[in-house]
PDB file of N, CA and C in Angstrom:
ATOM      1  N   MET A   1      45.285 174.485-142.856  1.00  0.00           N
ATOM      2  CA  MET A   1      45.252 175.846-142.355  1.00  0.00           C
ATOM      3  C   MET A   1      44.074 176.573-142.997  1.00  0.00           C
ATOM      4  N   ASP A   2      43.486 177.431-142.272  1.00  0.00           N
ATOM      5  CA  ASP A   2      42.335 178.183-142.751  1.00  0.00           C
ATOM      6  C   ASP A   2      42.755 179.143-143.873  1.00  0.00           C
ATOM      7  N   ILE A   3      41.904 179.290-144.877  1.00  0.00           N
ATOM      8  CA  ILE A   3      42.212 180.156-146.019  1.00  0.00           C
ATOM      9  C   ILE A   3      42.330 181.621-145.584  1.00  0.00           C
ATOM     10  N   PHE A   4      41.595 182.007-144.535  1.00  0.00           N
ATOM     11  CA  PHE A   4      41.662 183.371-144.023  1.00  0.00           C
ATOM     12  C   PHE A   4      43.070 183.698-143.514  1.00  0.00           C
ATOM     13  N   ILE A   5      43.673 182.775-142.804  1.00  0.00           N
ATOM     14  CA  ILE A   5      45.025 182.985-142.274  1.00  0.00           C
ATOM     15  C   ILE A   5      46.038 183.027-143.412  1.00  0.00           C
ATOM     16  N   ILE A   6      45.875 182.161-144.391  1.00  0.00           N
ATOM     17  CA  ILE A   6      46.799 182.140-145.526  1.00  0.00           C
ATOM     18  C   ILE A   6      46.732 183.452-146.303  1.00  0.00           C
ATOM     19  N   LEU A   7      45.518 183.939-146.559  1.00  0.00           N
ATOM     20  CA  LEU A   7      45.368 185.214-147.286  1.00  0.00           C
ATOM     21  C   LEU A   7      45.901 186.390-146.474  1.00  0.00           C
ATOM     22  N   SER A   8      45.702 186.357-145.155  1.00  0.00           N
ATOM     23  CA  SER A   8      46.234 187.422-144.298  1.00  0.00           C
ATOM     24  C   SER A   8      47.756 187.446-144.319  1.00  0.00           C
ATOM     25  N   LEU A   9      48.357 186.278-144.197  1.00  0.00           N
ATOM     26  CA  LEU A   9      49.821 186.203-144.239  1.00  0.00           C
ATOM     27  C   LEU A   9      50.362 186.623-145.599  1.00  0.00           C
ATOM     28  N   LEU A  10      49.662 186.268-146.661  1.00  0.00           N
ATOM     29  CA  LEU A  10      50.079 186.680-147.998  1.00  0.00           C
ATOM     30  C   LEU A  10      50.001 188.195-148.161  1.00  0.00           C
ATOM     31  N   ALA A  11      48.954 188.811-147.634  1.00  0.00           N
ATOM     32  CA  ALA A  11      48.813 190.265-147.714  1.00  0.00           C
ATOM     33  C   ALA A  11      49.924 190.963-146.928  1.00  0.00           C
ATOM     34  N   ILE A  12      50.232 190.436-145.751  1.00  0.00           N
ATOM     35  CA  ILE A  12      51.300 191.025-144.935  1.00  0.00           C
ATOM     36  C   ILE A  12      52.654 190.809-145.610  1.00  0.00           C
ATOM     37  N   PHE A  13      52.870 189.649-146.188  1.00  0.00           N
ATOM     38  CA  PHE A  13      54.119 189.368-146.892  1.00  0.00           C
ATOM     39  C   PHE A  13      54.305 190.314-148.078  1.00  0.00           C
ATOM     40  N   LEU A  14      53.257 190.524-148.870  1.00  0.00           N
ATOM     41  CA  LEU A  14      53.362 191.439-150.012  1.00  0.00           C
ATOM     42  C   LEU A  14      53.671 192.856-149.561  1.00  0.00           C
ATOM     43  N   GLY A  15      53.034 193.300-148.480  1.00  0.00           N
ATOM     44  CA  GLY A  15      53.327 194.624-147.948  1.00  0.00           C
ATOM     45  C   GLY A  15      54.761 194.748-147.464  1.00  0.00           C
ATOM     46  N   GLY A  16      55.247 193.732-146.756  1.00  0.00           N
ATOM     47  CA  GLY A  16      56.636 193.736-146.293  1.00  0.00           C
ATOM     48  C   GLY A  16      57.625 193.703-147.435  1.00  0.00           C
ATOM     49  N   LEU A  17      57.291 192.963-148.488  1.00  0.00           N
ATOM     50  CA  LEU A  17      58.155 192.910-149.665  1.00  0.00           C
ATOM     51  C   LEU A  17      58.253 194.275-150.342  1.00  0.00           C
ATOM     52  N   VAL A  18      57.122 194.944-150.470  1.00  0.00           N
ATOM     53  CA  VAL A  18      57.115 196.284-151.075  1.00  0.00           C
ATOM     54  C   VAL A  18      57.912 197.248-150.217  1.00  0.00           C
ATOM     55  N   ARG A  19      57.743 197.175-148.897  1.00  0.00           N
ATOM     56  CA  ARG A  19      58.480 198.080-148.009  1.00  0.00           C
ATOM     57  C   ARG A  19      59.978 197.817-148.059  1.00  0.00           C
ATOM     58  N   THR A  20      60.366 196.566-148.090  1.00  0.00           N
ATOM     59  CA  THR A  20      61.783 196.234-148.137  1.00  0.00           C
ATOM     60  C   THR A  20      62.404 196.683-149.452  1.00  0.00           C
ATOM     61  N   TYR A  21      61.672 196.539-150.528  1.00  0.00           N
ATOM     62  CA  TYR A  21      62.225 196.870-151.836  1.00  0.00           C
ATOM     63  C   TYR A  21      62.227 198.373-152.095  1.00  0.00           C
ATOM     64  N   PHE A  22      61.139 199.059-151.782  1.00  0.00           N
ATOM     65  CA  PHE A  22      61.011 200.485-152.093  1.00  0.00           C
ATOM     66  C   PHE A  22      61.258 201.395-150.898  1.00  0.00           C
ATOM     67  N   GLY A  23      61.178 200.887-149.690  1.00  0.00           N
ATOM     68  CA  GLY A  23      61.390 201.714-148.505  1.00  0.00           C
ATOM     69  C   GLY A  23      60.117 202.277-147.911  1.00  0.00           C
ATOM     70  N   PHE A  24      58.995 202.110-148.561  1.00  0.00           N
ATOM     71  CA  PHE A  24      57.705 202.576-148.055  1.00  0.00           C
ATOM     72  C   PHE A  24      56.620 201.797-148.788  1.00  0.00           C
ATOM     73  N   GLY A  25      55.383 202.026-148.409  1.00  0.00           N
ATOM     74  CA  GLY A  25      54.275 201.456-149.152  1.00  0.00           C
ATOM     75  C   GLY A  25      53.657 200.213-148.555  1.00  0.00           C
ATOM     76  N   GLU A  26      54.106 199.842-147.373  1.00  0.00           N
ATOM     77  CA  GLU A  26      53.544 198.644-146.763  1.00  0.00           C
ATOM     78  C   GLU A  26      52.052 198.816-146.483  1.00  0.00           C
ATOM     79  N   ALA A  27      51.700 199.966-145.956  1.00  0.00           N
ATOM     80  CA  ALA A  27      50.288 200.210-145.664  1.00  0.00           C
ATOM     81  C   ALA A  27      49.464 200.331-146.941  1.00  0.00           C
ATOM     82  N   LEU A  28      50.072 200.808-148.012  1.00  0.00           N
ATOM     83  CA  LEU A  28      49.350 200.931-149.279  1.00  0.00           C
ATOM     84  C   LEU A  28      48.984 199.572-149.860  1.00  0.00           C
ATOM     85  N   ILE A  29      49.743 198.566-149.544  1.00  0.00           N
ATOM     86  CA  ILE A  29      49.489 197.223-150.071  1.00  0.00           C
ATOM     87  C   ILE A  29      48.711 196.385-149.061  1.00  0.00           C
ATOM     88  N   SER A  30      49.204 196.304-147.842  1.00  0.00           N
ATOM     89  CA  SER A  30      48.633 195.389-146.859  1.00  0.00           C
ATOM     90  C   SER A  30      47.251 195.803-146.372  1.00  0.00           C
ATOM     91  N   MET A  31      47.063 197.083-146.095  1.00  0.00           N
ATOM     92  CA  MET A  31      45.784 197.500-145.511  1.00  0.00           C
ATOM     93  C   MET A  31      44.592 197.245-146.425  1.00  0.00           C
ATOM     94  N   PRO A  32      44.643 197.620-147.705  1.00  0.00           N
ATOM     95  CA  PRO A  32      43.482 197.301-148.548  1.00  0.00           C
ATOM     96  C   PRO A  32      43.249 195.801-148.718  1.00  0.00           C
ATOM     97  N   LEU A  33      44.336 195.032-148.828  1.00  0.00           N
ATOM     98  CA  LEU A  33      44.170 193.585-148.980  1.00  0.00           C
ATOM     99  C   LEU A  33      43.563 192.960-147.733  1.00  0.00           C
ATOM    100  N   LEU A  34      44.020 193.381-146.562  1.00  0.00           N
ATOM    101  CA  LEU A  34      43.454 192.846-145.323  1.00  0.00           C
ATOM    102  C   LEU A  34      42.006 193.281-145.143  1.00  0.00           C
ATOM    103  N   ALA A  35      41.680 194.489-145.583  1.00  0.00           N
ATOM    104  CA  ALA A  35      40.295 194.948-145.499  1.00  0.00           C
ATOM    105  C   ALA A  35      39.399 194.161-146.463  1.00  0.00           C
ATOM    106  N   LEU A  36      39.928 193.827-147.630  1.00  0.00           N
ATOM    107  CA  LEU A  36      39.160 193.015-148.582  1.00  0.00           C
ATOM    108  C   LEU A  36      38.929 191.600-148.069  1.00  0.00           C
ATOM    109  N   ILE A  37      39.883 191.088-147.304  1.00  0.00           N
ATOM    110  CA  ILE A  37      39.731 189.752-146.733  1.00  0.00           C
ATOM    111  C   ILE A  37      38.602 189.729-145.711  1.00  0.00           C
ATOM    112  N   GLY A  38      38.419 190.846-145.009  1.00  0.00           N
ATOM    113  CA  GLY A  38      37.321 190.913-144.052  1.00  0.00           C
ATOM    114  C   GLY A  38      37.714 191.321-142.654  1.00  0.00           C
ATOM    115  N   LEU A  39      38.944 191.761-142.468  1.00  0.00           N
ATOM    116  CA  LEU A  39      39.348 192.244-141.144  1.00  0.00           C
ATOM    117  C   LEU A  39      38.748 193.629-140.889  1.00  0.00           C
ATOM    118  N   GLU A  40      38.471 193.915-139.625  1.00  0.00           N
ATOM    119  CA  GLU A  40      37.985 195.239-139.259  1.00  0.00           C
ATOM    120  C   GLU A  40      39.113 196.259-139.391  1.00  0.00           C
ATOM    121  N   THR A  41      38.747 197.520-139.534  1.00  0.00           N
ATOM    122  CA  THR A  41      39.730 198.573-139.779  1.00  0.00           C
ATOM    123  C   THR A  41      40.727 198.698-138.637  1.00  0.00           C
ATOM    124  N   HIS A  42      40.253 198.681-137.391  1.00  0.00           N
ATOM    125  CA  HIS A  42      41.165 198.823-136.248  1.00  0.00           C
ATOM    126  C   HIS A  42      42.131 197.639-136.160  1.00  0.00           C
ATOM    127  N   THR A  43      41.646 196.459-136.437  1.00  0.00           N
ATOM    128  CA  THR A  43      42.507 195.277-136.429  1.00  0.00           C
ATOM    129  C   THR A  43      43.532 195.348-137.545  1.00  0.00           C
ATOM    130  N   THR A  44      43.102 195.818-138.717  1.00  0.00           N
ATOM    131  CA  THR A  44      44.006 195.952-139.856  1.00  0.00           C
ATOM    132  C   THR A  44      45.113 196.947-139.556  1.00  0.00           C
ATOM    133  N   ILE A  45      44.765 198.081-138.976  1.00  0.00           N
ATOM    134  CA  ILE A  45      45.759 199.108-138.645  1.00  0.00           C
ATOM    135  C   ILE A  45      46.780 198.559-137.656  1.00  0.00           C
ATOM    136  N   SER A  46      46.314 197.862-136.638  1.00  0.00           N
ATOM    137  CA  SER A  46      47.235 197.297-135.635  1.00  0.00           C
ATOM    138  C   SER A  46      48.137 196.225-136.242  1.00  0.00           C
ATOM    139  N   LEU A  47      47.558 195.393-137.068  1.00  0.00           N
ATOM    140  CA  LEU A  47      48.328 194.315-137.681  1.00  0.00           C
ATOM    141  C   LEU A  47      49.392 194.854-138.634  1.00  0.00           C
ATOM    142  N   VAL A  48      49.043 195.854-139.412  1.00  0.00           N
ATOM    143  CA  VAL A  48      50.022 196.456-140.322  1.00  0.00           C
ATOM    144  C   VAL A  48      51.114 197.176-139.534  1.00  0.00           C
ATOM    145  N   GLY A  49      50.754 197.820-138.430  1.00  0.00           N
ATOM    146  CA  GLY A  49      51.754 198.466-137.588  1.00  0.00           C
ATOM    147  C   GLY A  49      52.744 197.471-136.995  1.00  0.00           C
ATOM    148  N   LEU A  50      52.234 196.355-136.502  1.00  0.00           N
ATOM    149  CA  LEU A  50      53.124 195.326-135.949  1.00  0.00           C
ATOM    150  C   LEU A  50      53.993 194.704-137.031  1.00  0.00           C
ATOM    151  N   ALA A  51      53.408 194.446-138.183  1.00  0.00           N
ATOM    152  CA  ALA A  51      54.196 193.884-139.286  1.00  0.00           C
ATOM    153  C   ALA A  51      55.265 194.882-139.739  1.00  0.00           C
ATOM    154  N   GLY A  52      54.925 196.166-139.757  1.00  0.00           N
ATOM    155  CA  GLY A  52      55.898 197.191-140.136  1.00  0.00           C
ATOM    156  C   GLY A  52      57.055 197.268-139.158  1.00  0.00           C
ATOM    157  N   LEU A  53      56.741 197.155-137.879  1.00  0.00           N
ATOM    158  CA  LEU A  53      57.797 197.144-136.864  1.00  0.00           C
ATOM    159  C   LEU A  53      58.716 195.943-137.044  1.00  0.00           C
ATOM    160  N   PHE A  54      58.136 194.795-137.332  1.00  0.00           N
ATOM    161  CA  PHE A  54      58.922 193.581-137.539  1.00  0.00           C
ATOM    162  C   PHE A  54      59.819 193.704-138.769  1.00  0.00           C
ATOM    163  N   VAL A  55      59.273 194.194-139.881  1.00  0.00           N
ATOM    164  CA  VAL A  55      60.057 194.345-141.115  1.00  0.00           C
ATOM    165  C   VAL A  55      61.167 195.374-140.919  1.00  0.00           C
ATOM    166  N   ALA A  56      60.850 196.482-140.250  1.00  0.00           N
ATOM    167  CA  ALA A  56      61.865 197.502-139.993  1.00  0.00           C
ATOM    168  C   ALA A  56      62.975 196.954-139.106  1.00  0.00           C
ATOM    169  N   SER A  57      62.619 196.152-138.115  1.00  0.00           N
ATOM    170  CA  SER A  57      63.631 195.550-137.244  1.00  0.00           C
ATOM    171  C   SER A  57      64.553 194.630-138.029  1.00  0.00           C
ATOM    172  N   LEU A  58      63.989 193.823-138.909  1.00  0.00           N
ATOM    173  CA  LEU A  58      64.823 192.946-139.732  1.00  0.00           C
ATOM    174  C   LEU A  58      65.752 193.747-140.633  1.00  0.00           C
ATOM    175  N   ASN A  59      65.251 194.835-141.204  1.00  0.00           N
ATOM    176  CA  ASN A  59      66.091 195.669-142.071  1.00  0.00           C
ATOM    177  C   ASN A  59      67.209 196.343-141.286  1.00  0.00           C
ATOM    178  N   ILE A  60      66.905 196.788-140.077  1.00  0.00           N
ATOM    179  CA  ILE A  60      67.933 197.446-139.257  1.00  0.00           C
ATOM    180  C   ILE A  60      69.024 196.448-138.880  1.00  0.00           C
ATOM    181  N   PHE A  61      68.629 195.256-138.449  1.00  0.00           N
ATOM    182  CA  PHE A  61      69.631 194.270-138.026  1.00  0.00           C
ATOM    183  C   PHE A  61      70.472 193.770-139.188  1.00  0.00           C
ATOM    184  N   SER A  62      69.905 193.714-140.375  1.00  0.00           N
ATOM    185  CA  SER A  62      70.681 193.212-141.508  1.00  0.00           C
ATOM    186  C   SER A  62      71.545 194.290-142.158  1.00  0.00           C
ATOM    187  N   ASP A  63      71.249 195.555-141.892  1.00  0.00           N
ATOM    188  CA  ASP A  63      71.962 196.633-142.575  1.00  0.00           C
ATOM    189  C   ASP A  63      72.417 197.726-141.608  1.00  0.00           C
ATOM    190  N   TYR A  64      72.762 197.343-140.376  1.00  0.00           N
ATOM    191  CA  TYR A  64      73.072 198.339-139.351  1.00  0.00           C
ATOM    192  C   TYR A  64      74.347 199.128-139.631  1.00  0.00           C
ATOM    193  N   ARG A  65      75.236 198.622-140.464  1.00  0.00           N
ATOM    194  CA  ARG A  65      76.502 199.313-140.728  1.00  0.00           C
ATOM    195  C   ARG A  65      76.318 200.556-141.587  1.00  0.00           C
ATOM    196  N   SER A  66      75.249 200.608-142.350  1.00  0.00           N
ATOM    197  CA  SER A  66      75.055 201.743-143.257  1.00  0.00           C
ATOM    198  C   SER A  66      74.099 202.793-142.703  1.00  0.00           C
ATOM    199  N   ILE A  67      73.786 202.731-141.411  1.00  0.00           N
ATOM    200  CA  ILE A  67      72.902 203.733-140.814  1.00  0.00           C
ATOM    201  C   ILE A  67      73.675 205.033-140.647  1.00  0.00           C
ATOM    202  N   LYS A  68      73.096 206.131-141.102  1.00  0.00           N
ATOM    203  CA  LYS A  68      73.693 207.456-140.921  1.00  0.00           C
ATOM    204  C   LYS A  68      73.094 208.058-139.653  1.00  0.00           C
ATOM    205  N   TYR A  69      73.872 208.055-138.589  1.00  0.00           N
ATOM    206  CA  TYR A  69      73.360 208.435-137.287  1.00  0.00           C
ATOM    207  C   TYR A  69      73.016 209.912-137.192  1.00  0.00           C
ATOM    208  N   SER A  70      73.702 210.768-137.930  1.00  0.00           N
ATOM    209  CA  SER A  70      73.360 212.192-137.878  1.00  0.00           C
ATOM    210  C   SER A  70      71.969 212.423-138.457  1.00  0.00           C
ATOM    211  N   VAL A  71      71.648 211.745-139.539  1.00  0.00           N
ATOM    212  CA  VAL A  71      70.311 211.857-140.133  1.00  0.00           C
ATOM    213  C   VAL A  71      69.281 211.215-139.212  1.00  0.00           C
ATOM    214  N   LEU A  72      69.633 210.100-138.601  1.00  0.00           N
ATOM    215  CA  LEU A  72      68.728 209.415-137.687  1.00  0.00           C
ATOM    216  C   LEU A  72      68.347 210.309-136.509  1.00  0.00           C
ATOM    217  N   PHE A  73      69.314 211.025-135.937  1.00  0.00           N
ATOM    218  CA  PHE A  73      69.023 211.893-134.797  1.00  0.00           C
ATOM    219  C   PHE A  73      68.159 213.083-135.202  1.00  0.00           C
ATOM    220  N   ILE A  74      68.364 213.618-136.404  1.00  0.00           N
ATOM    221  CA  ILE A  74      67.521 214.720-136.887  1.00  0.00           C
ATOM    222  C   ILE A  74      66.080 214.234-137.079  1.00  0.00           C
ATOM    223  N   MET A  75      65.929 213.061-137.658  1.00  0.00           N
ATOM    224  CA  MET A  75      64.583 212.511-137.852  1.00  0.00           C
ATOM    225  C   MET A  75      63.923 212.180-136.514  1.00  0.00           C
ATOM    226  N   LEU A  76      64.682 211.678-135.572  1.00  0.00           N
ATOM    227  CA  LEU A  76      64.145 211.365-134.253  1.00  0.00           C
ATOM    228  C   LEU A  76      63.705 212.635-133.527  1.00  0.00           C
ATOM    229  N   ALA A  77      64.505 213.681-133.605  1.00  0.00           N
ATOM    230  CA  ALA A  77      64.124 214.950-132.976  1.00  0.00           C
ATOM    231  C   ALA A  77      62.857 215.524-133.622  1.00  0.00           C
ATOM    232  N   GLY A  78      62.783 215.453-134.937  1.00  0.00           N
ATOM    233  CA  GLY A  78      61.578 215.923-135.622  1.00  0.00           C
ATOM    234  C   GLY A  78      60.354 215.112-135.241  1.00  0.00           C
ATOM    235  N   SER A  79      60.528 213.818-135.063  1.00  0.00           N
ATOM    236  CA  SER A  79      59.408 212.967-134.661  1.00  0.00           C
ATOM    237  C   SER A  79      58.964 213.268-133.240  1.00  0.00           C
ATOM    238  N   LEU A  80      59.919 213.485-132.342  1.00  0.00           N
ATOM    239  CA  LEU A  80      59.564 213.775-130.952  1.00  0.00           C
ATOM    240  C   LEU A  80      58.810 215.096-130.822  1.00  0.00           C
ATOM    241  N   VAL A  81      59.092 216.043-131.702  1.00  0.00           N
ATOM    242  CA  VAL A  81      58.369 217.315-131.695  1.00  0.00           C
ATOM    243  C   VAL A  81      57.056 217.187-132.475  1.00  0.00           C
ATOM    244  N   GLY A  82      57.095 216.521-133.610  1.00  0.00           N
ATOM    245  CA  GLY A  82      55.948 216.496-134.509  1.00  0.00           C
ATOM    246  C   GLY A  82      54.810 215.588-134.085  1.00  0.00           C
ATOM    247  N   ILE A  83      55.106 214.482-133.438  1.00  0.00           N
ATOM    248  CA  ILE A  83      54.047 213.543-133.056  1.00  0.00           C
ATOM    249  C   ILE A  83      53.076 214.156-132.051  1.00  0.00           C
ATOM    250  N   PRO A  84      53.531 214.782-130.976  1.00  0.00           N
ATOM    251  CA  PRO A  84      52.547 215.401-130.072  1.00  0.00           C
ATOM    252  C   PRO A  84      51.756 216.537-130.735  1.00  0.00           C
ATOM    253  N   ILE A  85      52.411 217.305-131.601  1.00  0.00           N
ATOM    254  CA  ILE A  85      51.693 218.371-132.308  1.00  0.00           C
ATOM    255  C   ILE A  85      50.638 217.776-133.234  1.00  0.00           C
ATOM    256  N   GLY A  86      50.983 216.718-133.937  1.00  0.00           N
ATOM    257  CA  GLY A  86      50.028 216.067-134.829  1.00  0.00           C
ATOM    258  C   GLY A  86      48.854 215.472-134.078  1.00  0.00           C
ATOM    259  N   ILE A  87      49.108 214.844-132.943  1.00  0.00           N
ATOM    260  CA  ILE A  87      48.019 214.284-132.138  1.00  0.00           C
ATOM    261  C   ILE A  87      47.123 215.397-131.620  1.00  0.00           C
ATOM    262  N   TRP A  88      47.707 216.506-131.196  1.00  0.00           N
ATOM    263  CA  TRP A  88      46.919 217.641-130.717  1.00  0.00           C
ATOM    264  C   TRP A  88      46.048 218.219-131.834  1.00  0.00           C
ATOM    265  N   ILE A  89      46.624 218.345-133.037  1.00  0.00           N
ATOM    266  CA  ILE A  89      45.857 218.864-134.170  1.00  0.00           C
ATOM    267  C   ILE A  89      44.713 217.915-134.512  1.00  0.00           C
ATOM    268  N   LEU A  90      44.962 216.625-134.552  1.00  0.00           N
ATOM    269  CA  LEU A  90      43.906 215.667-134.878  1.00  0.00           C
ATOM    270  C   LEU A  90      42.813 215.624-133.815  1.00  0.00           C
ATOM    271  N   ARG A  91      43.180 215.902-132.588  1.00  0.00           N
ATOM    272  CA  ARG A  91      42.185 215.846-131.518  1.00  0.00           C
ATOM    273  C   ARG A  91      41.314 217.092-131.451  1.00  0.00           C
ATOM    274  N   TYR A  92      41.889 218.261-131.686  1.00  0.00           N
ATOM    275  CA  TYR A  92      41.156 219.494-131.428  1.00  0.00           C
ATOM    276  C   TYR A  92      40.746 220.267-132.676  1.00  0.00           C
ATOM    277  N   PHE A  93      41.130 219.832-133.856  1.00  0.00           N
ATOM    278  CA  PHE A  93      40.763 220.530-135.079  1.00  0.00           C
ATOM    279  C   PHE A  93      39.783 219.681-135.879  1.00  0.00           C
ATOM    280  N   ASN A  94      39.037 220.342-136.729  1.00  0.00           N
ATOM    281  CA  ASN A  94      38.109 219.653-137.618  1.00  0.00           C
ATOM    282  C   ASN A  94      38.920 218.863-138.649  1.00  0.00           C
ATOM    283  N   THR A  95      38.645 217.571-138.758  1.00  0.00           N
ATOM    284  CA  THR A  95      39.447 216.724-139.641  1.00  0.00           C
ATOM    285  C   THR A  95      39.267 217.082-141.118  1.00  0.00           C
ATOM    286  N   ASP A  96      38.108 217.610-141.487  1.00  0.00           N
ATOM    287  CA  ASP A  96      37.912 218.013-142.882  1.00  0.00           C
ATOM    288  C   ASP A  96      38.852 219.153-143.252  1.00  0.00           C
ATOM    289  N   ILE A  97      39.006 220.106-142.355  1.00  0.00           N
ATOM    290  CA  ILE A  97      39.909 221.239-142.615  1.00  0.00           C
ATOM    291  C   ILE A  97      41.359 220.767-142.645  1.00  0.00           C
ATOM    292  N   VAL A  98      41.714 219.866-141.741  1.00  0.00           N
ATOM    293  CA  VAL A  98      43.080 219.339-141.719  1.00  0.00           C
ATOM    294  C   VAL A  98      43.388 218.598-143.023  1.00  0.00           C
ATOM    295  N   GLN A  99      42.443 217.815-143.519  1.00  0.00           N
ATOM    296  CA  GLN A  99      42.655 217.089-144.766  1.00  0.00           C
ATOM    297  C   GLN A  99      42.781 218.042-145.945  1.00  0.00           C
ATOM    298  N   ILE A 100      41.994 219.092-145.975  1.00  0.00           N
ATOM    299  CA  ILE A 100      42.093 220.081-147.057  1.00  0.00           C
ATOM    300  C   ILE A 100      43.440 220.791-147.006  1.00  0.00           C
ATOM    301  N   LEU A 101      43.881 221.183-145.813  1.00  0.00           N
ATOM    302  CA  LEU A 101      45.179 221.839-145.674  1.00  0.00           C
ATOM    303  C   LEU A 101      46.327 220.901-146.063  1.00  0.00           C
ATOM    304  N   LEU A 102      46.236 219.641-145.665  1.00  0.00           N
ATOM    305  CA  LEU A 102      47.265 218.672-146.029  1.00  0.00           C
ATOM    306  C   LEU A 102      47.297 218.452-147.534  1.00  0.00           C
ATOM    307  N   GLY A 103      46.130 218.323-148.147  1.00  0.00           N
ATOM    308  CA  GLY A 103      46.064 218.175-149.600  1.00  0.00           C
ATOM    309  C   GLY A 103      46.631 219.382-150.319  1.00  0.00           C
ATOM    310  N   GLY A 104      46.301 220.587-149.843  1.00  0.00           N
ATOM    311  CA  GLY A 104      46.849 221.805-150.442  1.00  0.00           C
ATOM    312  C   GLY A 104      48.358 221.877-150.307  1.00  0.00           C
ATOM    313  N   PHE A 105      48.868 221.507-149.126  1.00  0.00           N
ATOM    314  CA  PHE A 105      50.312 221.493-148.931  1.00  0.00           C
ATOM    315  C   PHE A 105      50.987 220.512-149.879  1.00  0.00           C
ATOM    316  N   LEU A 106      50.404 219.330-150.033  1.00  0.00           N
ATOM    317  CA  LEU A 106      50.995 218.329-150.932  1.00  0.00           C
ATOM    318  C   LEU A 106      50.985 218.801-152.385  1.00  0.00           C
ATOM    319  N   ILE A 107      49.926 219.457-152.805  1.00  0.00           N
ATOM    320  CA  ILE A 107      49.860 219.979-154.174  1.00  0.00           C
ATOM    321  C   ILE A 107      50.892 221.073-154.385  1.00  0.00           C
ATOM    322  N   ILE A 108      51.022 221.979-153.421  1.00  0.00           N
ATOM    323  CA  ILE A 108      52.011 223.060-153.533  1.00  0.00           C
ATOM    324  C   ILE A 108      53.429 222.492-153.554  1.00  0.00           C
ATOM    325  N   TYR A 109      53.717 221.548-152.663  1.00  0.00           N
ATOM    326  CA  TYR A 109      55.056 220.969-152.630  1.00  0.00           C
ATOM    327  C   TYR A 109      55.352 220.180-153.901  1.00  0.00           C
ATOM    328  N   ASP A 110      54.370 219.450-154.396  1.00  0.00           N
ATOM    329  CA  ASP A 110      54.566 218.692-155.628  1.00  0.00           C
ATOM    330  C   ASP A 110      54.838 219.616-156.803  1.00  0.00           C
ATOM    331  N   THR A 111      54.117 220.709-156.874  1.00  0.00           N
ATOM    332  CA  THR A 111      54.347 221.681-157.947  1.00  0.00           C
ATOM    333  C   THR A 111      55.751 222.271-157.851  1.00  0.00           C
ATOM    334  N   TYR A 112      56.172 222.600-156.637  1.00  0.00           N
ATOM    335  CA  TYR A 112      57.520 223.116-156.420  1.00  0.00           C
ATOM    336  C   TYR A 112      58.586 222.101-156.840  1.00  0.00           C
ATOM    337  N   ALA A 113      58.440 220.853-156.382  1.00  0.00           N
ATOM    338  CA  ALA A 113      59.442 219.828-156.686  1.00  0.00           C
ATOM    339  C   ALA A 113      59.480 219.512-158.175  1.00  0.00           C
ATOM    340  N   LEU A 114      58.318 219.470-158.815  1.00  0.00           N
ATOM    341  CA  LEU A 114      58.273 219.170-160.235  1.00  0.00           C
ATOM    342  C   LEU A 114      58.877 220.302-161.054  1.00  0.00           C
ATOM    343  N   SER A 115      58.580 221.537-160.690  1.00  0.00           N
ATOM    344  CA  SER A 115      59.160 222.665-161.433  1.00  0.00           C
ATOM    345  C   SER A 115      60.667 222.750-161.199  1.00  0.00           C
ATOM    346  N   LYS A 116      61.112 222.446-160.002  1.00  0.00           N
ATOM    347  CA  LYS A 116      62.549 222.429-159.723  1.00  0.00           C
ATOM    348  C   LYS A 116      63.242 221.360-160.564  1.00  0.00           C
ATOM    349  N   TYR A 117      62.616 220.203-160.680  1.00  0.00           N
ATOM    350  CA  TYR A 117      63.188 219.119-161.476  1.00  0.00           C
ATOM    351  C   TYR A 117      63.279 219.515-162.943  1.00  0.00           C
ATOM    352  N   PHE A 118      62.202 220.053-163.486  1.00  0.00           N
ATOM    353  CA  PHE A 118      62.186 220.383-164.907  1.00  0.00           C
ATOM    354  C   PHE A 118      63.096 221.556-165.254  1.00  0.00           C
ATOM    355  N   PHE A 119      63.113 222.576-164.416  1.00  0.00           N
ATOM    356  CA  PHE A 119      63.826 223.796-164.786  1.00  0.00           C
ATOM    357  C   PHE A 119      65.271 223.840-164.308  1.00  0.00           C
ATOM    358  N   LEU A 120      65.631 223.070-163.330  1.00  0.00           N
ATOM    359  CA  LEU A 120      67.007 223.120-162.839  1.00  0.00           C
ATOM    360  C   LEU A 120      67.813 221.874-163.200  1.00  0.00           C
ATOM    361  N   ASN A 121      67.237 220.714-163.089  1.00  0.00           N
ATOM    362  CA  ASN A 121      67.999 219.487-163.313  1.00  0.00           C
ATOM    363  C   ASN A 121      68.192 219.156-164.781  1.00  0.00           C
ATOM    364  N   ASN A 122      67.278 219.522-165.636  1.00  0.00           N
ATOM    365  CA  ASN A 122      67.369 219.162-167.049  1.00  0.00           C
ATOM    366  C   ASN A 122      67.878 220.302-167.922  1.00  0.00           C
ATOM    367  N   ASN A 123      68.337 221.361-167.289  1.00  0.00           N
ATOM    368  CA  ASN A 123      68.875 222.513-167.995  1.00  0.00           C
ATOM    369  C   ASN A 123      67.902 223.088-169.016  1.00  0.00           C
ATOM    370  N   ILE A 124      66.621 223.056-168.717  1.00  0.00           N
ATOM    371  CA  ILE A 124      65.617 223.693-169.550  1.00  0.00           C
ATOM    372  C   ILE A 124      65.553 225.159-169.141  1.00  0.00           C
ATOM    373  N   ARG A 125      65.741 226.020-170.063  1.00  0.00           N
ATOM    374  CA  ARG A 125      65.756 227.451-169.780  1.00  0.00           C
ATOM    375  C   ARG A 125      64.573 228.124-170.477  1.00  0.00           C
ATOM    376  N   ILE A 126      63.964 229.024-169.779  1.00  0.00           N
ATOM    377  CA  ILE A 126      62.886 229.813-170.369  1.00  0.00           C
ATOM    378  C   ILE A 126      63.526 231.015-171.047  1.00  0.00           C
ATOM    379  N   VAL A 127      63.235 231.169-172.324  1.00  0.00           N
ATOM    380  CA  VAL A 127      63.809 232.259-173.093  1.00  0.00           C
ATOM    381  C   VAL A 127      62.847 233.443-173.006  1.00  0.00           C
ATOM    382  N   LEU A 128      63.371 234.527-172.464  1.00  0.00           N
ATOM    383  CA  LEU A 128      62.587 235.752-172.379  1.00  0.00           C
ATOM    384  C   LEU A 128      62.982 236.692-173.494  1.00  0.00           C
ATOM    385  N   LYS A 129      62.017 237.194-174.228  1.00  0.00           N
ATOM    386  CA  LYS A 129      62.314 238.120-175.332  1.00  0.00           C
ATOM    387  C   LYS A 129      61.878 239.510-175.008  1.00  0.00           C
TER     388      LYS A 129
END
């Protein structure tokens, strides 16, 4: 077998393993490895998407009894609304501005979540004098 195919399958396997174990991160592992092997970006994106669909299907079939359908329907409704809005934003807005806004949102949310964790969950109180 060609070494290119073996390395590609290994990269996809590692990504699927990370996704199965942690619940996310397949693209974080598989895409850079496939790009280092020499696949083009569009091919890498398609291959990781197909591998993700396959891994998700295996996880659903093996663990279908523990699916929370109320949460699933909320996520599905959010996806049906959010995907067309996201495609419209990516098509008609400047991508540099979108990336800056997304980065700012992530920083603000991270600061909120971290402060909530430190000040509410660990019973750390600020003493005011």
